[in-house]
Protein backbone atom coordinates (compact mmCIF):
# COMPACT_ATOMS: atom_id res chain seq x y z
CA UNK A 1 137.96 105.84 199.03
CA UNK A 2 139.07 102.21 199.07
CA UNK A 3 140.33 99.97 201.81
CA UNK A 4 143.50 97.93 201.64
CA UNK A 5 143.14 95.24 199.00
CA UNK A 6 144.36 92.47 201.33
CA UNK A 7 141.95 93.21 204.17
CA UNK A 8 139.00 90.91 204.61
CA UNK A 9 136.57 93.78 204.30
CA UNK A 10 138.60 96.03 202.00
CA UNK A 11 137.29 97.46 198.74
CA UNK A 12 140.39 98.28 196.73
CA UNK A 13 143.91 99.56 196.96
CA UNK A 14 143.63 103.27 197.62
CA UNK A 15 143.07 104.99 200.96
CA UNK A 16 140.38 107.56 201.50
CA UNK A 17 140.61 111.08 202.91
CA UNK A 18 137.01 111.14 204.13
CA UNK A 19 136.24 112.65 207.55
CA UNK A 20 139.70 114.17 207.97
CA UNK A 21 141.80 115.36 205.01
CA UNK A 22 145.15 113.64 204.69
CA UNK A 23 144.22 110.55 206.71
CA UNK A 24 142.59 107.23 205.87
CA UNK A 25 139.44 105.97 207.58
CA UNK A 26 139.49 102.90 209.78
CA UNK A 27 138.94 99.81 207.74
CA UNK A 28 135.34 98.72 207.96
CA UNK A 29 134.69 95.46 209.80
CA UNK A 30 131.00 95.01 209.02
CA UNK A 31 129.82 91.50 208.14
CA UNK A 32 126.92 92.43 205.84
CA UNK A 33 126.71 90.17 202.80
CA UNK A 34 129.72 88.53 201.16
CA UNK A 35 132.73 90.36 199.74
CA UNK A 36 133.57 89.17 196.23
CA UNK A 37 136.90 89.41 194.43
CA UNK A 38 135.17 91.14 191.50
CA UNK A 39 135.45 94.94 191.39
CA UNK A 40 134.05 97.84 189.42
CA UNK A 41 136.23 99.96 187.11
CA UNK A 42 137.40 102.04 190.06
CA UNK A 43 138.58 99.04 192.07
CA UNK A 44 135.64 98.95 194.49
CA UNK A 45 134.89 95.36 195.53
CA UNK A 46 131.39 93.93 195.20
CA UNK A 47 129.45 93.20 198.40
CA UNK A 48 126.89 90.56 197.49
CA UNK A 49 123.57 90.20 199.31
CA UNK A 50 120.56 87.93 198.70
CA UNK A 51 118.11 89.07 196.02
CA UNK A 52 115.24 89.15 198.51
CA UNK A 53 115.29 92.51 200.26
CA UNK A 54 118.33 93.72 198.28
CA UNK A 55 118.73 97.41 197.37
CA UNK A 56 117.25 98.48 194.03
CA UNK A 57 117.56 101.66 191.98
CA UNK A 58 115.92 103.11 188.87
CA UNK A 59 117.17 106.20 187.04
CA UNK A 60 114.94 108.81 185.38
CA UNK A 61 116.33 111.71 183.33
CA UNK A 62 114.37 114.88 182.59
CA UNK A 63 115.57 117.98 180.68
CA UNK A 64 115.99 121.05 182.86
CA UNK A 65 114.23 124.19 181.62
CA UNK A 66 117.40 126.28 182.00
CA UNK A 67 120.37 123.96 181.57
CA UNK A 68 121.20 120.27 181.34
CA UNK A 69 119.12 117.55 182.95
CA UNK A 70 117.58 116.64 186.30
CA UNK A 71 118.24 113.08 187.42
CA UNK A 72 116.01 111.19 189.86
CA UNK A 73 117.07 108.00 191.64
CA UNK A 74 114.09 105.91 192.76
CA UNK A 75 115.47 103.48 195.36
CA UNK A 76 113.95 100.53 197.20
CA UNK A 77 115.28 98.81 200.34
CA UNK A 78 117.88 101.57 200.49
CA UNK A 79 118.57 104.91 202.17
CA UNK A 80 121.23 107.56 201.55
CA UNK A 81 123.58 108.07 204.51
CA UNK A 82 125.99 110.96 203.75
CA UNK A 83 126.83 111.43 207.43
CA UNK A 84 128.38 107.97 207.74
CA UNK A 85 130.29 107.72 204.45
CA UNK A 86 133.62 106.03 205.13
CA UNK A 87 132.30 103.90 207.99
CA UNK A 88 131.29 100.25 208.15
CA UNK A 89 128.84 98.78 205.64
CA UNK A 90 125.29 98.87 206.97
CA UNK A 91 122.36 96.98 205.42
CA UNK A 92 120.56 98.95 202.71
CA UNK A 93 122.54 102.16 203.20
CA UNK A 94 125.22 104.24 201.52
CA UNK A 95 125.62 106.47 198.49
CA UNK A 96 125.65 106.23 194.69
CA UNK A 97 128.07 106.87 191.84
CA UNK A 98 126.99 108.52 188.59
CA UNK A 99 128.76 107.46 185.38
CA UNK A 100 128.55 108.76 181.82
CA UNK A 101 129.53 106.06 179.32
CA UNK A 102 131.50 104.29 182.05
CA UNK A 103 133.29 107.43 183.27
CA UNK A 104 132.55 108.54 186.82
CA UNK A 105 131.00 111.99 187.02
CA UNK A 106 129.91 112.35 190.62
CA UNK A 107 129.15 110.73 193.94
CA UNK A 108 125.48 111.15 194.91
CA UNK A 109 124.12 111.47 198.44
CA UNK A 110 120.44 111.87 197.65
CA UNK A 111 117.71 111.02 195.13
CA UNK A 112 118.08 114.17 192.98
CA UNK A 113 121.03 115.47 190.96
CA UNK A 114 121.40 118.24 188.36
CA UNK A 115 123.67 117.34 185.43
CA UNK A 116 124.95 120.48 183.62
CA UNK A 117 124.92 120.39 179.82
CA UNK A 118 128.58 121.42 179.82
CA UNK A 119 129.53 118.00 181.20
CA UNK A 120 127.88 116.04 178.39
CA UNK A 121 129.43 115.99 174.89
CA UNK A 122 127.17 116.10 171.86
CA UNK A 123 125.72 112.72 170.92
CA UNK A 124 124.02 109.69 172.48
CA UNK A 125 125.18 108.52 175.91
CA UNK A 126 124.40 106.02 178.64
CA UNK A 127 124.04 107.20 182.22
CA UNK A 128 124.56 104.69 185.01
CA UNK A 129 123.93 105.00 188.75
CA UNK A 130 125.39 102.32 191.03
CA UNK A 131 124.71 101.86 194.73
CA UNK A 132 127.55 101.61 197.25
CA UNK A 133 127.83 100.88 200.96
CA UNK A 134 129.36 103.38 203.39
CA UNK A 135 132.70 101.54 203.18
CA UNK A 136 132.72 102.13 199.39
CA UNK A 137 132.01 98.53 198.41
CA UNK A 138 129.43 98.13 195.63
CA UNK A 139 126.18 96.40 196.52
CA UNK A 140 125.70 93.36 194.29
CA UNK A 141 123.18 90.58 193.63
CA UNK A 142 124.14 87.32 191.85
CA UNK A 143 127.58 88.71 191.08
CA UNK A 144 126.28 91.88 189.38
CA UNK A 145 126.31 95.40 190.84
CA UNK A 146 123.04 97.03 191.85
CA UNK A 147 122.62 99.79 189.28
CA UNK A 148 120.19 101.59 186.99
CA UNK A 149 120.73 103.06 183.52
CA UNK A 150 119.13 105.64 181.27
CA UNK A 151 119.82 106.97 177.79
CA UNK A 152 120.56 110.62 177.13
CA UNK A 153 121.14 112.52 173.87
CA UNK A 154 122.89 115.89 173.91
CA UNK A 155 122.42 118.09 170.86
CA UNK A 156 124.41 121.04 169.59
CA UNK A 157 123.38 124.59 170.60
CA UNK A 158 120.45 125.87 168.60
CA UNK A 159 119.15 122.42 167.63
CA UNK A 160 115.84 121.06 168.86
CA UNK A 161 116.25 119.58 172.30
CA UNK A 162 119.63 121.20 172.79
CA UNK A 163 120.70 122.96 175.95
CA UNK A 164 122.67 125.95 174.79
CA UNK A 165 122.98 127.40 178.30
CA UNK A 166 125.66 124.86 179.13
CA UNK A 167 127.76 126.00 176.15
CA UNK A 168 127.65 129.68 177.02
CA UNK A 169 131.06 130.91 178.22
CA UNK A 170 131.00 131.59 181.96
CA UNK A 171 131.04 135.21 183.14
CA UNK A 172 134.31 136.74 184.34
CA UNK A 173 135.38 135.14 187.60
CA UNK A 174 136.89 138.14 189.36
CA UNK A 175 133.60 139.89 190.25
CA UNK A 176 132.38 136.69 191.96
CA UNK A 177 135.37 136.51 194.29
CA UNK A 178 135.05 140.24 195.11
CA UNK A 179 131.52 139.60 196.39
CA UNK A 180 132.65 136.78 198.66
CA UNK A 181 133.34 137.05 202.39
CA UNK A 182 136.08 134.42 202.14
CA UNK A 183 138.29 133.34 199.24
CA UNK A 184 140.06 129.97 199.18
CA UNK A 185 142.76 129.60 196.51
CA UNK A 186 143.80 126.06 195.61
CA UNK A 187 146.22 124.63 193.05
CA UNK A 188 146.24 121.04 191.78
CA UNK A 189 149.43 119.88 190.07
CA UNK A 190 150.75 116.38 189.40
CA UNK A 191 148.01 114.88 191.57
CA UNK A 192 148.89 117.02 194.60
CA UNK A 193 146.81 119.71 196.26
CA UNK A 194 148.40 122.97 197.42
CA UNK A 195 148.00 124.10 200.11
CA UNK A 196 147.43 120.73 201.75
CA UNK A 197 143.71 119.94 202.32
CA UNK A 198 142.38 121.47 205.52
CA UNK A 199 139.13 122.77 206.94
CA UNK A 200 137.78 126.17 205.94
CA UNK A 201 135.60 127.48 208.77
CA UNK A 202 132.63 129.66 207.87
CA UNK A 203 129.69 131.25 209.62
CA UNK A 204 126.29 130.35 208.27
CA UNK A 205 125.26 132.88 205.63
CA UNK A 206 128.81 133.77 204.59
CA UNK A 207 129.77 133.62 200.93
CA UNK A 208 132.91 131.71 200.01
CA UNK A 209 134.76 131.77 196.69
CA UNK A 210 136.69 128.65 195.74
CA UNK A 211 139.42 129.61 193.25
CA UNK A 212 140.96 126.48 191.76
CA UNK A 213 143.65 125.97 189.13
CA UNK A 214 144.22 122.40 187.94
CA UNK A 215 146.90 121.22 185.52
CA UNK A 216 144.39 118.69 184.15
CA UNK A 217 140.78 119.11 183.09
CA UNK A 218 138.49 118.02 185.90
CA UNK A 219 135.28 118.91 187.73
CA UNK A 220 134.96 120.41 191.20
CA UNK A 221 132.09 119.22 193.39
CA UNK A 222 130.90 120.61 196.73
CA UNK A 223 129.14 117.76 198.54
CA UNK A 224 125.99 118.60 200.44
CA UNK A 225 125.41 121.70 198.32
CA UNK A 226 125.46 119.80 195.00
CA UNK A 227 127.48 122.60 193.42
CA UNK A 228 129.80 121.80 190.52
CA UNK A 229 132.33 123.67 188.42
CA UNK A 230 134.25 122.63 185.32
CA UNK A 231 138.02 122.99 185.77
CA UNK A 232 139.74 123.65 182.42
CA UNK A 233 143.35 122.50 182.27
CA UNK A 234 145.75 125.22 183.33
CA UNK A 235 143.05 127.87 183.84
CA UNK A 236 141.77 129.34 187.07
CA UNK A 237 138.06 128.75 187.73
CA UNK A 238 135.98 130.17 190.57
CA UNK A 239 132.88 128.86 192.28
CA UNK A 240 131.12 131.18 194.72
CA UNK A 241 128.43 129.87 197.04
CA UNK A 242 126.52 130.96 200.13
CA UNK A 243 127.09 128.71 203.14
CA UNK A 244 123.41 128.55 204.04
CA UNK A 245 123.47 125.18 205.83
CA UNK A 246 125.56 124.02 208.74
CA UNK A 247 127.76 120.96 208.84
CA UNK A 248 130.97 119.57 207.34
CA UNK A 249 131.08 119.45 203.53
CA UNK A 250 133.85 118.06 201.34
CA UNK A 251 135.09 119.81 198.22
CA UNK A 252 136.66 117.32 195.83
CA UNK A 253 137.51 116.67 192.19
CA UNK A 254 135.58 114.03 190.25
CA UNK A 255 138.15 112.55 187.87
CA UNK A 256 141.20 112.60 190.14
CA UNK A 257 139.20 111.99 193.32
CA UNK A 258 141.19 114.55 195.34
CA UNK A 259 139.84 116.30 198.43
CA UNK A 260 140.61 120.01 198.04
CA UNK A 261 139.22 121.29 201.33
CA UNK A 262 136.37 120.81 203.78
CA UNK A 263 133.85 123.55 204.50
CA UNK A 264 132.96 123.63 208.20
CA UNK A 265 129.86 125.81 208.51
CA UNK A 266 128.68 126.71 212.01
């Protein structure tokens, strides 16, 4: 997700696989704002802009009636642009990162996000959302990233305010894959994806089962559909969804930042 560290408009040391798995996007050459040497914890460089007219974000957290929490990002001077992620930095545009106590949980492409209770350990936590440009640089004002925070307390099952749904063991995975029209089996080991990331073509309305086994605990995320699945270390997990919208949607892991496949729905 990052451009070469030595490039004038780069945002870190790692390449991205956005737009086409296995390849890096063309380094952005936009001249918006000023690139700073400071970076966030993930190595994304800050792109500073004047305070007047700069992007702003506020985070609100509300308990969900069934499981976890619903997060709302109220933005100003900013718009979400999922279709151009990986391109040049454009004024007041891009995406957001969600962090729990400084650990990245997800990349957000819109103002709403559902956070499952299973992803939040018991106790008090700080949620942070930070705004990024399409080239993955972090918008900043006066040397500080543009971000919003909110406090969240997760309680144990059965306690007041707790969300026990997130702690309920998931149902057997096999019946889900049997109901699917397509099954994609993926293995992640030593930071490598097998088979190599490619596009999975689907017809609108088809059901696809993503069967993933990771050697490290992680979280699977289907962009555009906002579907997530916890990946226990060394155990197969299955996410089944209906491809009810057309377009190109990335399936990636949160912690390791690996692209597993792309769903091309026609």
